[in-house]
Amino acid sequence: MYQQFAAVVDESGKKRIFRRIRVHVKKETRDGDKEIFIITNLPEDSVSSLKIAELYRDRWTIETAFQHLAQYLNSEINTLRYPRAALFGFCVALVPCMAMSVIKASLADVHGTEVI
């Protein structure tokens, strides 16, 4: 793991400090990358680079769950043009997704994650 700092000045002249964290991954990403870069404005004295990398890895678990939700449960319905209808459709699709997660976790606990 490696980090570097970058200063960015916005259009109003305010200077902001960011950290770019480079993480070498053991297993290549879906795109074949052997390292990932994370840009954050979290201060170094309050959050370590290692903690940021761990949280970022957990983020992809959530992203994958939403991808499965959209793909398998058709949660993104194009005909729902109104925000409330789209939100309702998403929430309706989210309920079976949570139920499926509980079922998969239970099965994995009994039979092991390799089988599931």
PDB file of N, CA and C in Angstrom:
ATOM      1  N   MET A   1       0.841  -1.161   0.000  1.00  0.00           N
ATOM      2  CA  MET A   1       0.000   0.000   0.000  1.00  0.00           C
ATOM      3  C   MET A   1       0.893   1.232   0.000  1.00  0.00           C
ATOM      4  N   TYR A   2       0.438   2.240  -0.719  1.00  0.00           N
ATOM      5  CA  TYR A   2       1.204   3.463  -0.865  1.00  0.00           C
ATOM      6  C   TYR A   2       0.213   4.615  -0.930  1.00  0.00           C
ATOM      7  N   GLN A   3       0.576   5.756  -0.378  1.00  0.00           N
ATOM      8  CA  GLN A   3      -0.297   6.913  -0.493  1.00  0.00           C
ATOM      9  C   GLN A   3       0.500   8.150  -0.867  1.00  0.00           C
ATOM     10  N   GLN A   4      -0.191   9.073  -1.515  1.00  0.00           N
ATOM     11  CA  GLN A   4       0.413  10.351  -1.835  1.00  0.00           C
ATOM     12  C   GLN A   4      -0.645  11.422  -1.655  1.00  0.00           C
ATOM     13  N   PHE A   5      -0.204  12.629  -1.444  1.00  0.00           N
ATOM     14  CA  PHE A   5      -1.117  13.741  -1.223  1.00  0.00           C
ATOM     15  C   PHE A   5      -1.201  14.606  -2.469  1.00  0.00           C
ATOM     16  N   ALA A   6      -2.377  15.189  -2.666  1.00  0.00           N
ATOM     17  CA  ALA A   6      -2.587  16.085  -3.803  1.00  0.00           C
ATOM     18  C   ALA A   6      -3.402  17.282  -3.332  1.00  0.00           C
ATOM     19  N   ALA A   7      -3.007  18.449  -3.751  1.00  0.00           N
ATOM     20  CA  ALA A   7      -3.744  19.669  -3.430  1.00  0.00           C
ATOM     21  C   ALA A   7      -4.514  20.102  -4.669  1.00  0.00           C
ATOM     22  N   VAL A   8      -5.784  20.396  -4.479  1.00  0.00           N
ATOM     23  CA  VAL A   8      -6.641  20.832  -5.573  1.00  0.00           C
ATOM     24  C   VAL A   8      -7.240  22.175  -5.188  1.00  0.00           C
ATOM     25  N   VAL A   9      -7.174  23.117  -6.108  1.00  0.00           N
ATOM     26  CA  VAL A   9      -7.754  24.436  -5.872  1.00  0.00           C
ATOM     27  C   VAL A   9      -9.027  24.534  -6.710  1.00  0.00           C
ATOM     28  N   ASP A  10     -10.154  24.799  -6.046  1.00  0.00           N
ATOM     29  CA  ASP A  10     -11.414  24.894  -6.794  1.00  0.00           C
ATOM     30  C   ASP A  10     -11.568  26.275  -7.411  1.00  0.00           C
ATOM     31  N   GLU A  11     -12.681  26.490  -8.116  1.00  0.00           N
ATOM     32  CA  GLU A  11     -12.861  27.744  -8.858  1.00  0.00           C
ATOM     33  C   GLU A  11     -12.982  28.964  -7.960  1.00  0.00           C
ATOM     34  N   SER A  12     -13.331  28.775  -6.682  1.00  0.00           N
ATOM     35  CA  SER A  12     -13.412  29.916  -5.766  1.00  0.00           C
ATOM     36  C   SER A  12     -12.065  30.205  -5.103  1.00  0.00           C
ATOM     37  N   GLY A  13     -11.054  29.389  -5.400  1.00  0.00           N
ATOM     38  CA  GLY A  13      -9.728  29.596  -4.861  1.00  0.00           C
ATOM     39  C   GLY A  13      -9.452  28.833  -3.576  1.00  0.00           C
ATOM     40  N   LYS A  14     -10.406  28.023  -3.132  1.00  0.00           N
ATOM     41  CA  LYS A  14     -10.211  27.254  -1.908  1.00  0.00           C
ATOM     42  C   LYS A  14      -9.365  26.012  -2.205  1.00  0.00           C
ATOM     43  N   LYS A  15      -8.351  25.820  -1.374  1.00  0.00           N
ATOM     44  CA  LYS A  15      -7.436  24.700  -1.558  1.00  0.00           C
ATOM     45  C   LYS A  15      -7.917  23.510  -0.717  1.00  0.00           C
ATOM     46  N   ARG A  16      -7.969  22.334  -1.339  1.00  0.00           N
ATOM     47  CA  ARG A  16      -8.382  21.115  -0.646  1.00  0.00           C
ATOM     48  C   ARG A  16      -7.281  20.067  -0.816  1.00  0.00           C
ATOM     49  N   ILE A  17      -7.074  19.318   0.254  1.00  0.00           N
ATOM     50  CA  ILE A  17      -6.044  18.280   0.252  1.00  0.00           C
ATOM     51  C   ILE A  17      -6.723  16.910   0.156  1.00  0.00           C
ATOM     52  N   PHE A  18      -6.243  16.088  -0.768  1.00  0.00           N
ATOM     53  CA  PHE A  18      -6.754  14.734  -0.963  1.00  0.00           C
ATOM     54  C   PHE A  18      -5.611  13.737  -0.814  1.00  0.00           C
ATOM     55  N   ARG A  19      -5.983  12.521  -0.499  1.00  0.00           N
ATOM     56  CA  ARG A  19      -5.010  11.429  -0.475  1.00  0.00           C
ATOM     57  C   ARG A  19      -5.368  10.443  -1.577  1.00  0.00           C
ATOM     58  N   ARG A  20      -4.363   9.990  -2.298  1.00  0.00           N
ATOM     59  CA  ARG A  20      -4.547   8.920  -3.273  1.00  0.00           C
ATOM     60  C   ARG A  20      -3.839   7.700  -2.717  1.00  0.00           C
ATOM     61  N   ILE A  21      -4.633   6.655  -2.481  1.00  0.00           N
ATOM     62  CA  ILE A  21      -4.109   5.436  -1.889  1.00  0.00           C
ATOM     63  C   ILE A  21      -4.041   4.369  -2.973  1.00  0.00           C
ATOM     64  N   ARG A  22      -2.867   3.805  -3.143  1.00  0.00           N
ATOM     65  CA  ARG A  22      -2.681   2.728  -4.119  1.00  0.00           C
ATOM     66  C   ARG A  22      -2.599   1.416  -3.359  1.00  0.00           C
ATOM     67  N   VAL A  23      -3.452   0.479  -3.745  1.00  0.00           N
ATOM     68  CA  VAL A  23      -3.501  -0.818  -3.071  1.00  0.00           C
ATOM     69  C   VAL A  23      -3.202  -1.901  -4.096  1.00  0.00           C
ATOM     70  N   HIS A  24      -2.211  -2.728  -3.809  1.00  0.00           N
ATOM     71  CA  HIS A  24      -1.934  -3.897  -4.641  1.00  0.00           C
ATOM     72  C   HIS A  24      -2.864  -5.016  -4.177  1.00  0.00           C
ATOM     73  N   VAL A  25      -3.639  -5.577  -5.088  1.00  0.00           N
ATOM     74  CA  VAL A  25      -4.585  -6.630  -4.723  1.00  0.00           C
ATOM     75  C   VAL A  25      -3.985  -7.996  -5.019  1.00  0.00           C
ATOM     76  N   LYS A  26      -4.335  -8.979  -4.174  1.00  0.00           N
ATOM     77  CA  LYS A  26      -3.832 -10.342  -4.354  1.00  0.00           C
ATOM     78  C   LYS A  26      -4.482 -10.998  -5.566  1.00  0.00           C
ATOM     79  N   LYS A  27      -5.770 -10.752  -5.717  1.00  0.00           N
ATOM     80  CA  LYS A  27      -6.527 -11.336  -6.818  1.00  0.00           C
ATOM     81  C   LYS A  27      -6.935 -10.212  -7.764  1.00  0.00           C
ATOM     82  N   GLU A  28      -6.724 -10.400  -9.047  1.00  0.00           N
ATOM     83  CA  GLU A  28      -7.059  -9.368 -10.025  1.00  0.00           C
ATOM     84  C   GLU A  28      -8.543  -9.018  -9.965  1.00  0.00           C
ATOM     85  N   THR A  29      -8.850  -7.780 -10.297  1.00  0.00           N
ATOM     86  CA  THR A  29     -10.239  -7.344 -10.343  1.00  0.00           C
ATOM     87  C   THR A  29     -10.913  -7.939 -11.573  1.00  0.00           C
ATOM     88  N   ARG A  30     -12.232  -7.696 -11.686  1.00  0.00           N
ATOM     89  CA  ARG A  30     -12.957  -8.200 -12.863  1.00  0.00           C
ATOM     90  C   ARG A  30     -12.366  -7.674 -14.160  1.00  0.00           C
ATOM     91  N   ASP A  31     -11.779  -6.484 -14.100  1.00  0.00           N
ATOM     92  CA  ASP A  31     -11.184  -5.875 -15.296  1.00  0.00           C
ATOM     93  C   ASP A  31      -9.722  -6.257 -15.483  1.00  0.00           C
ATOM     94  N   GLY A  32      -9.190  -7.104 -14.602  1.00  0.00           N
ATOM     95  CA  GLY A  32      -7.810  -7.544 -14.735  1.00  0.00           C
ATOM     96  C   GLY A  32      -6.786  -6.629 -14.080  1.00  0.00           C
ATOM     97  N   ASP A  33      -7.244  -5.666 -13.292  1.00  0.00           N
ATOM     98  CA  ASP A  33      -6.321  -4.750 -12.619  1.00  0.00           C
ATOM     99  C   ASP A  33      -5.651  -5.436 -11.442  1.00  0.00           C
ATOM    100  N   LYS A  34      -4.357  -5.145 -11.241  1.00  0.00           N
ATOM    101  CA  LYS A  34      -3.609  -5.712 -10.130  1.00  0.00           C
ATOM    102  C   LYS A  34      -3.469  -4.724  -8.984  1.00  0.00           C
ATOM    103  N   GLU A  35      -3.884  -3.505  -9.218  1.00  0.00           N
ATOM    104  CA  GLU A  35      -3.887  -2.499  -8.168  1.00  0.00           C
ATOM    105  C   GLU A  35      -5.068  -1.564  -8.375  1.00  0.00           C
ATOM    106  N   ILE A  36      -5.536  -1.006  -7.273  1.00  0.00           N
ATOM    107  CA  ILE A  36      -6.636  -0.049  -7.337  1.00  0.00           C
ATOM    108  C   ILE A  36      -6.189   1.240  -6.668  1.00  0.00           C
ATOM    109  N   PHE A  37      -6.811   2.335  -7.063  1.00  0.00           N
ATOM    110  CA  PHE A  37      -6.505   3.635  -6.502  1.00  0.00           C
ATOM    111  C   PHE A  37      -7.761   4.198  -5.854  1.00  0.00           C
ATOM    112  N   ILE A  38      -7.611   4.707  -4.652  1.00  0.00           N
ATOM    113  CA  ILE A  38      -8.719   5.284  -3.909  1.00  0.00           C
ATOM    114  C   ILE A  38      -8.354   6.724  -3.601  1.00  0.00           C
ATOM    115  N   ILE A  39      -9.244   7.643  -3.916  1.00  0.00           N
ATOM    116  CA  ILE A  39      -9.021   9.054  -3.607  1.00  0.00           C
ATOM    117  C   ILE A  39      -9.976   9.434  -2.489  1.00  0.00           C
ATOM    118  N   THR A  40      -9.427  10.050  -1.448  1.00  0.00           N
ATOM    119  CA  THR A  40     -10.247  10.422  -0.299  1.00  0.00           C
ATOM    120  C   THR A  40      -9.802  11.766   0.265  1.00  0.00           C
ATOM    121  N   ASN A  41     -10.733  12.414   0.942  1.00  0.00           N
ATOM    122  CA  ASN A  41     -10.396  13.650   1.638  1.00  0.00           C
ATOM    123  C   ASN A  41     -10.385  13.427   3.154  1.00  0.00           C
ATOM    124  N   LEU A  42     -10.456  12.174   3.591  1.00  0.00           N
ATOM    125  CA  LEU A  42     -10.390  11.877   5.017  1.00  0.00           C
ATOM    126  C   LEU A  42      -8.988  12.178   5.536  1.00  0.00           C
ATOM    127  N   PRO A  43      -8.895  12.858   6.676  1.00  0.00           N
ATOM    128  CA  PRO A  43      -7.568  13.211   7.193  1.00  0.00           C
ATOM    129  C   PRO A  43      -6.784  11.989   7.650  1.00  0.00           C
ATOM    130  N   GLU A  44      -5.483  12.050   7.450  1.00  0.00           N
ATOM    131  CA  GLU A  44      -4.609  10.916   7.754  1.00  0.00           C
ATOM    132  C   GLU A  44      -4.581  10.609   9.243  1.00  0.00           C
ATOM    133  N   ASP A  45      -4.701  11.628  10.082  1.00  0.00           N
ATOM    134  CA  ASP A  45      -4.622  11.391  11.522  1.00  0.00           C
ATOM    135  C   ASP A  45      -5.890  10.764  12.107  1.00  0.00           C
ATOM    136  N   SER A  46      -7.000  10.752  11.353  1.00  0.00           N
ATOM    137  CA  SER A  46      -8.230  10.155  11.886  1.00  0.00           C
ATOM    138  C   SER A  46      -8.562   8.799  11.261  1.00  0.00           C
ATOM    139  N   VAL A  47      -8.124   8.550  10.020  1.00  0.00           N
ATOM    140  CA  VAL A  47      -8.411   7.279   9.355  1.00  0.00           C
ATOM    141  C   VAL A  47      -7.162   6.826   8.599  1.00  0.00           C
ATOM    142  N   SER A  48      -6.717   5.610   8.901  1.00  0.00           N
ATOM    143  CA  SER A  48      -5.510   5.103   8.238  1.00  0.00           C
ATOM    144  C   SER A  48      -5.827   4.650   6.811  1.00  0.00           C
ATOM    145  N   SER A  49      -4.793   4.557   6.019  1.00  0.00           N
ATOM    146  CA  SER A  49      -4.947   4.082   4.639  1.00  0.00           C
ATOM    147  C   SER A  49      -5.454   2.653   4.612  1.00  0.00           C
ATOM    148  N   LEU A  50      -4.999   1.835   5.547  1.00  0.00           N
ATOM    149  CA  LEU A  50      -5.438   0.449   5.618  1.00  0.00           C
ATOM    150  C   LEU A  50      -6.934   0.364   5.891  1.00  0.00           C
ATOM    151  N   LYS A  51      -7.445   1.178   6.804  1.00  0.00           N
ATOM    152  CA  LYS A  51      -8.869   1.174   7.125  1.00  0.00           C
ATOM    153  C   LYS A  51      -9.684   1.619   5.915  1.00  0.00           C
ATOM    154  N   ILE A  52      -9.222   2.612   5.201  1.00  0.00           N
ATOM    155  CA  ILE A  52      -9.928   3.075   3.998  1.00  0.00           C
ATOM    156  C   ILE A  52      -9.986   1.966   2.960  1.00  0.00           C
ATOM    157  N   ALA A  53      -8.879   1.249   2.772  1.00  0.00           N
ATOM    158  CA  ALA A  53      -8.846   0.146   1.800  1.00  0.00           C
ATOM    159  C   ALA A  53      -9.814  -0.960   2.206  1.00  0.00           C
ATOM    160  N   GLU A  54      -9.881  -1.274   3.502  1.00  0.00           N
ATOM    161  CA  GLU A  54     -10.816  -2.299   3.977  1.00  0.00           C
ATOM    162  C   GLU A  54     -12.264  -1.885   3.734  1.00  0.00           C
ATOM    163  N   LEU A  55     -12.581  -0.637   4.028  1.00  0.00           N
ATOM    164  CA  LEU A  55     -13.944  -0.142   3.808  1.00  0.00           C
ATOM    165  C   LEU A  55     -14.296  -0.137   2.329  1.00  0.00           C
ATOM    166  N   TYR A  56     -13.330   0.187   1.495  1.00  0.00           N
ATOM    167  CA  TYR A  56     -13.571   0.190   0.054  1.00  0.00           C
ATOM    168  C   TYR A  56     -13.857  -1.213  -0.454  1.00  0.00           C
ATOM    169  N   ARG A  57     -13.139  -2.198   0.081  1.00  0.00           N
ATOM    170  CA  ARG A  57     -13.382  -3.590  -0.306  1.00  0.00           C
ATOM    171  C   ARG A  57     -14.805  -4.004   0.073  1.00  0.00           C
ATOM    172  N   ASP A  58     -15.259  -3.604   1.267  1.00  0.00           N
ATOM    173  CA  ASP A  58     -16.632  -3.907   1.692  1.00  0.00           C
ATOM    174  C   ASP A  58     -17.658  -3.216   0.812  1.00  0.00           C
ATOM    175  N   ARG A  59     -17.324  -2.066   0.269  1.00  0.00           N
ATOM    176  CA  ARG A  59     -18.240  -1.332  -0.613  1.00  0.00           C
ATOM    177  C   ARG A  59     -18.623  -2.183  -1.821  1.00  0.00           C
ATOM    178  N   TRP A  60     -17.668  -2.948  -2.344  1.00  0.00           N
ATOM    179  CA  TRP A  60     -17.951  -3.753  -3.529  1.00  0.00           C
ATOM    180  C   TRP A  60     -18.894  -4.897  -3.231  1.00  0.00           C
ATOM    181  N   THR A  61     -18.948  -5.343  -1.992  1.00  0.00           N
ATOM    182  CA  THR A  61     -19.937  -6.343  -1.611  1.00  0.00           C
ATOM    183  C   THR A  61     -21.336  -5.760  -1.760  1.00  0.00           C
ATOM    184  N   ILE A  62     -21.492  -4.522  -1.333  1.00  0.00           N
ATOM    185  CA  ILE A  62     -22.787  -3.836  -1.446  1.00  0.00           C
ATOM    186  C   ILE A  62     -23.107  -3.562  -2.911  1.00  0.00           C
ATOM    187  N   GLU A  63     -22.116  -3.097  -3.671  1.00  0.00           N
ATOM    188  CA  GLU A  63     -22.325  -2.823  -5.094  1.00  0.00           C
ATOM    189  C   GLU A  63     -22.775  -4.084  -5.834  1.00  0.00           C
ATOM    190  N   THR A  64     -22.157  -5.224  -5.515  1.00  0.00           N
ATOM    191  CA  THR A  64     -22.529  -6.481  -6.158  1.00  0.00           C
ATOM    192  C   THR A  64     -23.946  -6.873  -5.799  1.00  0.00           C
ATOM    193  N   ALA A  65     -24.344  -6.645  -4.552  1.00  0.00           N
ATOM    194  CA  ALA A  65     -25.722  -6.947  -4.142  1.00  0.00           C
ATOM    195  C   ALA A  65     -26.717  -6.119  -4.940  1.00  0.00           C
ATOM    196  N   PHE A  66     -26.427  -4.839  -5.144  1.00  0.00           N
ATOM    197  CA  PHE A  66     -27.326  -3.994  -5.934  1.00  0.00           C
ATOM    198  C   PHE A  66     -27.328  -4.400  -7.405  1.00  0.00           C
ATOM    199  N   GLN A  67     -26.194  -4.867  -7.901  1.00  0.00           N
ATOM    200  CA  GLN A  67     -26.149  -5.353  -9.280  1.00  0.00           C
ATOM    201  C   GLN A  67     -27.037  -6.582  -9.433  1.00  0.00           C
ATOM    202  N   HIS A  68     -26.963  -7.512  -8.481  1.00  0.00           N
ATOM    203  CA  HIS A  68     -27.827  -8.694  -8.521  1.00  0.00           C
ATOM    204  C   HIS A  68     -29.291  -8.304  -8.401  1.00  0.00           C
ATOM    205  N   LEU A  69     -29.554  -7.327  -7.552  1.00  0.00           N
ATOM    206  CA  LEU A  69     -30.923  -6.845  -7.379  1.00  0.00           C
ATOM    207  C   LEU A  69     -31.470  -6.317  -8.700  1.00  0.00           C
ATOM    208  N   ALA A  70     -30.697  -5.509  -9.387  1.00  0.00           N
ATOM    209  CA  ALA A  70     -31.142  -4.945 -10.657  1.00  0.00           C
ATOM    210  C   ALA A  70     -31.260  -6.008 -11.743  1.00  0.00           C
ATOM    211  N   GLN A  71     -30.317  -6.935 -11.758  1.00  0.00           N
ATOM    212  CA  GLN A  71     -30.268  -7.948 -12.817  1.00  0.00           C
ATOM    213  C   GLN A  71     -31.324  -9.033 -12.636  1.00  0.00           C
ATOM    214  N   TYR A  72     -31.417  -9.604 -11.445  1.00  0.00           N
ATOM    215  CA  TYR A  72     -32.282 -10.766 -11.247  1.00  0.00           C
ATOM    216  C   TYR A  72     -33.721 -10.419 -10.884  1.00  0.00           C
ATOM    217  N   LEU A  73     -33.897  -9.294 -10.202  1.00  0.00           N
ATOM    218  CA  LEU A  73     -35.238  -8.956  -9.736  1.00  0.00           C
ATOM    219  C   LEU A  73     -35.871  -7.814 -10.527  1.00  0.00           C
ATOM    220  N   ASN A  74     -35.201  -7.387 -11.584  1.00  0.00           N
ATOM    221  CA  ASN A  74     -35.732  -6.348 -12.458  1.00  0.00           C
ATOM    222  C   ASN A  74     -36.179  -5.126 -11.668  1.00  0.00           C
ATOM    223  N   SER A  75     -35.301  -4.624 -10.791  1.00  0.00           N
ATOM    224  CA  SER A  75     -35.675  -3.496  -9.939  1.00  0.00           C
ATOM    225  C   SER A  75     -35.640  -2.160 -10.669  1.00  0.00           C
ATOM    226  N   GLU A  76     -34.991  -2.098 -11.812  1.00  0.00           N
ATOM    227  CA  GLU A  76     -34.941  -0.859 -12.580  1.00  0.00           C
ATOM    228  C   GLU A  76     -35.937  -0.949 -13.731  1.00  0.00           C
ATOM    229  N   ILE A  77     -37.141  -0.552 -13.447  1.00  0.00           N
ATOM    230  CA  ILE A  77     -38.212  -0.642 -14.428  1.00  0.00           C
ATOM    231  C   ILE A  77     -38.270   0.672 -15.205  1.00  0.00           C
ATOM    232  N   ASN A  78     -38.078   0.615 -16.504  1.00  0.00           N
ATOM    233  CA  ASN A  78     -38.005   1.821 -17.329  1.00  0.00           C
ATOM    234  C   ASN A  78     -39.332   2.577 -17.407  1.00  0.00           C
ATOM    235  N   THR A  79     -40.441   1.882 -17.242  1.00  0.00           N
ATOM    236  CA  THR A  79     -41.734   2.548 -17.396  1.00  0.00           C
ATOM    237  C   THR A  79     -42.126   3.380 -16.181  1.00  0.00           C
ATOM    238  N   LEU A  80     -41.417   3.258 -15.082  1.00  0.00           N
ATOM    239  CA  LEU A  80     -41.728   4.056 -13.895  1.00  0.00           C
ATOM    240  C   LEU A  80     -41.052   5.422 -14.022  1.00  0.00           C
ATOM    241  N   ARG A  81     -41.767   6.383 -14.551  1.00  0.00           N
ATOM    242  CA  ARG A  81     -41.197   7.708 -14.830  1.00  0.00           C
ATOM    243  C   ARG A  81     -41.226   8.632 -13.613  1.00  0.00           C
ATOM    244  N   TYR A  82     -42.010   8.305 -12.599  1.00  0.00           N
ATOM    245  CA  TYR A  82     -42.147   9.183 -11.451  1.00  0.00           C
ATOM    246  C   TYR A  82     -41.232   8.704 -10.329  1.00  0.00           C
ATOM    247  N   PRO A  83     -40.534   9.628  -9.659  1.00  0.00           N
ATOM    248  CA  PRO A  83     -39.574   9.225  -8.624  1.00  0.00           C
ATOM    249  C   PRO A  83     -40.188   8.354  -7.523  1.00  0.00           C
ATOM    250  N   ARG A  84     -41.390   8.674  -7.066  1.00  0.00           N
ATOM    251  CA  ARG A  84     -42.002   7.872  -6.004  1.00  0.00           C
ATOM    252  C   ARG A  84     -42.308   6.459  -6.490  1.00  0.00           C
ATOM    253  N   ALA A  85     -42.755   6.329  -7.723  1.00  0.00           N
ATOM    254  CA  ALA A  85     -43.056   4.998  -8.268  1.00  0.00           C
ATOM    255  C   ALA A  85     -41.776   4.190  -8.428  1.00  0.00           C
ATOM    256  N   ALA A  86     -40.719   4.839  -8.883  1.00  0.00           N
ATOM    257  CA  ALA A  86     -39.445   4.144  -9.041  1.00  0.00           C
ATOM    258  C   ALA A  86     -38.895   3.715  -7.682  1.00  0.00           C
ATOM    259  N   LEU A  87     -39.008   4.583  -6.678  1.00  0.00           N
ATOM    260  CA  LEU A  87     -38.545   4.245  -5.333  1.00  0.00           C
ATOM    261  C   LEU A  87     -39.360   3.082  -4.761  1.00  0.00           C
ATOM    262  N   PHE A  88     -40.668   3.110  -4.983  1.00  0.00           N
ATOM    263  CA  PHE A  88     -41.516   2.026  -4.506  1.00  0.00           C
ATOM    264  C   PHE A  88     -41.135   0.703  -5.191  1.00  0.00           C
ATOM    265  N   GLY A  89     -40.933   0.738  -6.495  1.00  0.00           N
ATOM    266  CA  GLY A  89     -40.529  -0.461  -7.227  1.00  0.00           C
ATOM    267  C   GLY A  89     -39.193  -1.008  -6.729  1.00  0.00           C
ATOM    268  N   PHE A  90     -38.272  -0.106  -6.422  1.00  0.00           N
ATOM    269  CA  PHE A  90     -36.974  -0.521  -5.902  1.00  0.00           C
ATOM    270  C   PHE A  90     -37.123  -1.184  -4.536  1.00  0.00           C
ATOM    271  N   CYS A  91     -37.940  -0.596  -3.668  1.00  0.00           N
ATOM    272  CA  CYS A  91     -38.140  -1.155  -2.326  1.00  0.00           C
ATOM    273  C   CYS A  91     -38.836  -2.509  -2.382  1.00  0.00           C
ATOM    274  N   VAL A  92     -39.787  -2.657  -3.291  1.00  0.00           N
ATOM    275  CA  VAL A  92     -40.465  -3.941  -3.438  1.00  0.00           C
ATOM    276  C   VAL A  92     -39.463  -5.009  -3.879  1.00  0.00           C
ATOM    277  N   ALA A  93     -38.554  -4.666  -4.761  1.00  0.00           N
ATOM    278  CA  ALA A  93     -37.535  -5.614  -5.216  1.00  0.00           C
ATOM    279  C   ALA A  93     -36.492  -5.876  -4.136  1.00  0.00           C
ATOM    280  N   LEU A  94     -36.285  -4.919  -3.238  1.00  0.00           N
ATOM    281  CA  LEU A  94     -35.289  -5.067  -2.184  1.00  0.00           C
ATOM    282  C   LEU A  94     -35.694  -6.107  -1.144  1.00  0.00           C
ATOM    283  N   VAL A  95     -36.989  -6.267  -0.899  1.00  0.00           N
ATOM    284  CA  VAL A  95     -37.461  -7.229   0.107  1.00  0.00           C
ATOM    285  C   VAL A  95     -37.049  -8.659  -0.253  1.00  0.00           C
ATOM    286  N   PRO A  96     -37.336  -9.159  -1.460  1.00  0.00           N
ATOM    287  CA  PRO A  96     -36.866 -10.516  -1.772  1.00  0.00           C
ATOM    288  C   PRO A  96     -35.343 -10.636  -1.815  1.00  0.00           C
ATOM    289  N   CYS A  97     -34.656  -9.542  -2.111  1.00  0.00           N
ATOM    290  CA  CYS A  97     -33.190  -9.575  -2.104  1.00  0.00           C
ATOM    291  C   CYS A  97     -32.682  -9.838  -0.691  1.00  0.00           C
ATOM    292  N   MET A  98     -33.278  -9.170   0.288  1.00  0.00           N
ATOM    293  CA  MET A  98     -32.881  -9.399   1.679  1.00  0.00           C
ATOM    294  C   MET A  98     -33.237 -10.815   2.109  1.00  0.00           C
ATOM    295  N   ALA A  99     -34.402 -11.296   1.698  1.00  0.00           N
ATOM    296  CA  ALA A  99     -34.798 -12.666   2.037  1.00  0.00           C
ATOM    297  C   ALA A  99     -33.822 -13.667   1.428  1.00  0.00           C
ATOM    298  N   MET A 100     -33.420 -13.438   0.190  1.00  0.00           N
ATOM    299  CA  MET A 100     -32.462 -14.326  -0.470  1.00  0.00           C
ATOM    300  C   MET A 100     -31.110 -14.299   0.245  1.00  0.00           C
ATOM    301  N   SER A 101     -30.691 -13.149   0.736  1.00  0.00           N
ATOM    302  CA  SER A 101     -29.430 -13.051   1.476  1.00  0.00           C
ATOM    303  C   SER A 101     -29.479 -13.870   2.752  1.00  0.00           C
ATOM    304  N   VAL A 102     -30.610 -13.829   3.446  1.00  0.00           N
ATOM    305  CA  VAL A 102     -30.758 -14.614   4.676  1.00  0.00           C
ATOM    306  C   VAL A 102     -30.712 -16.107   4.353  1.00  0.00           C
ATOM    307  N   ILE A 103     -31.403 -16.511   3.298  1.00  0.00           N
ATOM    308  CA  ILE A 103     -31.416 -17.919   2.901  1.00  0.00           C
ATOM    309  C   ILE A 103     -30.015 -18.390   2.516  1.00  0.00           C
ATOM    310  N   LYS A 104     -29.299 -17.586   1.710  1.00  0.00           N
ATOM    311  CA  LYS A 104     -27.953 -17.965   1.290  1.00  0.00           C
ATOM    312  C   LYS A 104     -26.993 -18.043   2.480  1.00  0.00           C
ATOM    313  N   ALA A 105     -27.131 -17.109   3.431  1.00  0.00           N
ATOM    314  CA  ALA A 105     -26.272 -17.126   4.614  1.00  0.00           C
ATOM    315  C   ALA A 105     -26.556 -18.359   5.466  1.00  0.00           C
ATOM    316  N   SER A 106     -27.825 -18.714   5.597  1.00  0.00           N
ATOM    317  CA  SER A 106     -28.189 -19.908   6.373  1.00  0.00           C
ATOM    318  C   SER A 106     -27.654 -21.174   5.717  1.00  0.00           C
ATOM    319  N   LEU A 107     -27.819 -21.274   4.410  1.00  0.00           N
ATOM    320  CA  LEU A 107     -27.313 -22.439   3.687  1.00  0.00           C
ATOM    321  C   LEU A 107     -25.786 -22.527   3.761  1.00  0.00           C
ATOM    322  N   ALA A 108     -25.137 -21.387   3.648  1.00  0.00           N
ATOM    323  CA  ALA A 108     -23.670 -21.359   3.722  1.00  0.00           C
ATOM    324  C   ALA A 108     -23.190 -21.775   5.104  1.00  0.00           C
ATOM    325  N   ASP A 109     -23.943 -21.417   6.142  1.00  0.00           N
ATOM    326  CA  ASP A 109     -23.578 -21.795   7.496  1.00  0.00           C
ATOM    327  C   ASP A 109     -23.666 -23.304   7.699  1.00  0.00           C
ATOM    328  N   VAL A 110     -24.661 -23.927   7.076  1.00  0.00           N
ATOM    329  CA  VAL A 110     -24.856 -25.371   7.222  1.00  0.00           C
ATOM    330  C   VAL A 110     -23.961 -26.163   6.287  1.00  0.00           C
ATOM    331  N   HIS A 111     -23.887 -25.749   5.014  1.00  0.00           N
ATOM    332  CA  HIS A 111     -23.207 -26.541   3.991  1.00  0.00           C
ATOM    333  C   HIS A 111     -21.836 -26.004   3.591  1.00  0.00           C
ATOM    334  N   GLY A 112     -21.493 -24.796   4.021  1.00  0.00           N
ATOM    335  CA  GLY A 112     -20.233 -24.179   3.645  1.00  0.00           C
ATOM    336  C   GLY A 112     -20.378 -23.249   2.450  1.00  0.00           C
ATOM    337  N   THR A 113     -19.540 -22.241   2.398  1.00  0.00           N
ATOM    338  CA  THR A 113     -19.636 -21.247   1.328  1.00  0.00           C
ATOM    339  C   THR A 113     -19.243 -21.805  -0.036  1.00  0.00           C
ATOM    340  N   GLU A 114     -18.403 -22.827  -0.066  1.00  0.00           N
ATOM    341  CA  GLU A 114     -17.992 -23.398  -1.347  1.00  0.00           C
ATOM    342  C   GLU A 114     -19.168 -24.011  -2.082  1.00  0.00           C
ATOM    343  N   VAL A 115     -20.060 -24.666  -1.343  1.00  0.00           N
ATOM    344  CA  VAL A 115     -21.231 -25.312  -1.951  1.00  0.00           C
ATOM    345  C   VAL A 115     -22.213 -24.263  -2.440  1.00  0.00           C
ATOM    346  N   ILE A 116     -22.412 -23.227  -1.658  1.00  0.00           N
ATOM    347  CA  ILE A 116     -23.387 -22.199  -1.987  1.00  0.00           C
ATOM    348  C   ILE A 116     -22.801 -21.263  -3.025  1.00  0.00           C
TER     349      ILE A 116
END
